Amino acid sequence: MPLQVFGCQLTVIGVLGVACLQVIAVCIWRLLTLIRRGTVFSDASFRYVDGVIGAIATGAVLMLSVAVVARFANHSTPGDEVAPGIVGLICGLSLVIGGVALVVYVLRALLAQAVALDSEAKHLQSELDEVI
């Protein structure tokens, strides 16, 4: 394949990567709005956390696709090869980004527990108010 095709592929991957960053920014902005309103411990926050997880996971896949494009660029044009170590580093970076997605997933599980505890506390408070 000519080098121009790889440049086009990298451009598409870059545009999709920027779109992922924008999704993350919007979701975090909406979560901060929920925090300011005091309603972050509600079911509405899960939609935004899931958006962040999906965007980060998509970013990891996009980073892996950069490594695949770089690997196949090695055999297209003599003298324009990408070092195998660079491809390995890009794969490692993809694993790190995937790990960040897993950490956010764990934080989502903690948010689910906090939402359950918050609703239970509200229920117990209403029962206590009835007794008093």
Protein backbone atom coordinates (compact mmCIF):
# COMPACT_ATOMS: atom_id res chain seq x y z
CA MET A 1 0.00 0.00 0.00
CA PRO A 2 1.23 3.48 -0.67
CA LEU A 3 2.21 5.67 2.26
CA GLN A 4 -0.68 8.05 1.49
CA VAL A 5 -3.21 5.36 2.41
CA PHE A 6 -1.58 4.95 5.81
CA GLY A 7 -1.67 8.71 6.30
CA CYS A 8 -5.39 8.69 5.56
CA GLN A 9 -5.94 5.86 8.03
CA LEU A 10 -4.00 7.70 10.71
CA THR A 11 -6.05 10.84 10.02
CA VAL A 12 -9.31 8.92 10.53
CA ILE A 13 -7.95 7.38 13.73
CA GLY A 14 -6.88 10.84 14.95
CA VAL A 15 -10.30 12.36 14.25
CA LEU A 16 -12.03 9.49 16.07
CA GLY A 17 -9.59 9.93 18.97
CA VAL A 18 -10.48 13.61 19.25
CA ALA A 19 -14.18 12.65 19.18
CA CYS A 20 -13.55 10.27 22.10
CA LEU A 21 -11.88 13.08 24.05
CA GLN A 22 -14.86 15.34 23.37
CA VAL A 23 -17.30 12.67 24.60
CA ILE A 24 -15.25 12.32 27.78
CA ALA A 25 -15.23 16.10 28.28
CA VAL A 26 -19.01 16.39 27.85
CA CYS A 27 -19.70 13.47 30.20
CA ILE A 28 -17.42 14.89 32.88
CA TRP A 29 -19.05 18.30 32.47
CA ARG A 30 -22.49 16.72 32.97
CA LEU A 31 -21.24 14.81 36.03
CA LEU A 32 -19.87 18.03 37.50
CA THR A 33 -23.27 19.63 36.90
CA LEU A 34 -24.90 16.76 38.81
CA ILE A 35 -22.42 17.26 41.64
CA ARG A 36 -23.22 20.97 41.82
CA ARG A 37 -26.94 20.17 42.01
CA GLY A 38 -26.33 17.54 44.66
CA THR A 39 -27.85 14.74 42.57
CA VAL A 40 -24.74 12.79 41.62
CA PHE A 41 -25.94 9.81 43.70
CA SER A 42 -28.80 9.09 41.32
CA ASP A 43 -29.42 6.81 38.39
CA ALA A 44 -28.85 9.68 35.94
CA SER A 45 -25.12 9.67 36.65
CA PHE A 46 -24.66 6.12 35.35
CA ARG A 47 -25.34 7.21 31.77
CA TYR A 48 -22.44 9.66 31.86
CA VAL A 49 -20.06 7.27 33.61
CA ASP A 50 -20.89 4.63 31.00
CA GLY A 51 -20.13 7.21 28.31
CA VAL A 52 -16.71 7.84 29.82
CA ILE A 53 -15.99 4.11 30.04
CA GLY A 54 -17.04 3.57 26.42
CA ALA A 55 -14.99 6.50 25.15
CA ILE A 56 -11.88 5.39 27.01
CA ALA A 57 -12.27 1.81 25.76
CA THR A 58 -12.73 3.12 22.22
CA GLY A 59 -9.57 5.18 22.66
CA ALA A 60 -7.68 2.05 23.65
CA VAL A 61 -8.88 0.27 20.53
CA LEU A 62 -7.94 3.29 18.41
CA MET A 63 -4.45 3.31 19.92
CA LEU A 64 -4.11 -0.39 19.11
CA SER A 65 -5.20 0.38 15.55
CA VAL A 66 -2.37 2.94 15.32
CA ALA A 67 0.03 0.11 16.19
CA VAL A 68 -1.53 -2.10 13.50
CA VAL A 69 -1.24 0.65 10.88
CA ALA A 70 2.36 1.30 11.94
CA ARG A 71 3.19 -2.39 11.74
CA PHE A 72 1.86 -2.71 8.19
CA ALA A 73 3.58 0.53 7.20
CA ASN A 74 6.87 -1.29 7.84
CA HIS A 75 6.53 -3.34 4.68
CA SER A 76 5.14 -0.74 2.29
CA THR A 77 8.01 1.61 1.54
CA PRO A 78 11.71 0.79 1.93
CA GLY A 79 13.56 3.28 4.08
CA ASP A 80 10.35 4.48 5.75
CA GLU A 81 9.95 1.70 8.29
CA VAL A 82 8.62 2.14 11.81
CA ALA A 83 10.83 0.64 14.49
CA PRO A 84 9.34 -2.51 16.06
CA GLY A 85 10.01 -1.07 19.51
CA ILE A 86 7.76 1.88 18.72
CA VAL A 87 4.99 -0.51 17.70
CA GLY A 88 5.48 -2.37 20.99
CA LEU A 89 5.35 0.88 22.97
CA ILE A 90 2.12 1.86 21.24
CA CYS A 91 0.64 -1.55 22.12
CA GLY A 92 1.71 -1.01 25.74
CA LEU A 93 0.08 2.42 25.74
CA SER A 94 -3.10 0.80 24.46
CA LEU A 95 -3.02 -1.59 27.42
CA VAL A 96 -2.55 1.32 29.83
CA ILE A 97 -5.54 3.14 28.34
CA GLY A 98 -7.60 -0.05 28.66
CA GLY A 99 -6.51 -0.25 32.29
CA VAL A 100 -7.83 3.27 32.87
CA ALA A 101 -11.18 2.14 31.46
CA LEU A 102 -11.18 -0.75 33.96
CA VAL A 103 -10.41 1.62 36.85
CA VAL A 104 -13.33 3.84 35.83
CA TYR A 105 -15.51 0.70 35.67
CA VAL A 106 -14.53 -0.13 39.27
CA LEU A 107 -15.42 3.44 40.26
CA ARG A 108 -18.79 2.93 38.57
CA ALA A 109 -19.39 -0.09 40.79
CA LEU A 110 -18.54 2.03 43.83
CA LEU A 111 -21.00 4.67 42.60
CA ALA A 112 -23.68 1.98 42.34
CA GLN A 113 -23.05 1.01 45.96
CA ALA A 114 -23.18 4.65 47.03
CA VAL A 115 -26.49 5.16 45.21
CA ALA A 116 -27.94 2.09 46.93
CA LEU A 117 -26.73 3.30 50.34
CA ASP A 118 -28.07 6.79 49.69
CA SER A 119 -31.52 5.49 48.79
CA GLU A 120 -31.51 3.21 51.85
CA ALA A 121 -30.49 6.14 54.08
CA LYS A 122 -33.33 8.24 52.67
CA HIS A 123 -35.77 5.42 53.33
CA LEU A 124 -34.55 5.00 56.90
CA GLN A 125 -34.72 8.78 57.44
CA SER A 126 -38.34 8.84 56.28
CA GLU A 127 -39.18 5.97 58.65
CA LEU A 128 -37.46 7.82 61.50
CA ASP A 129 -39.40 10.98 60.68
CA GLU A 130 -42.66 9.00 60.88
CA VAL A 131 -41.73 7.65 64.31
CA ILE A 132 -40.87 11.08 65.66
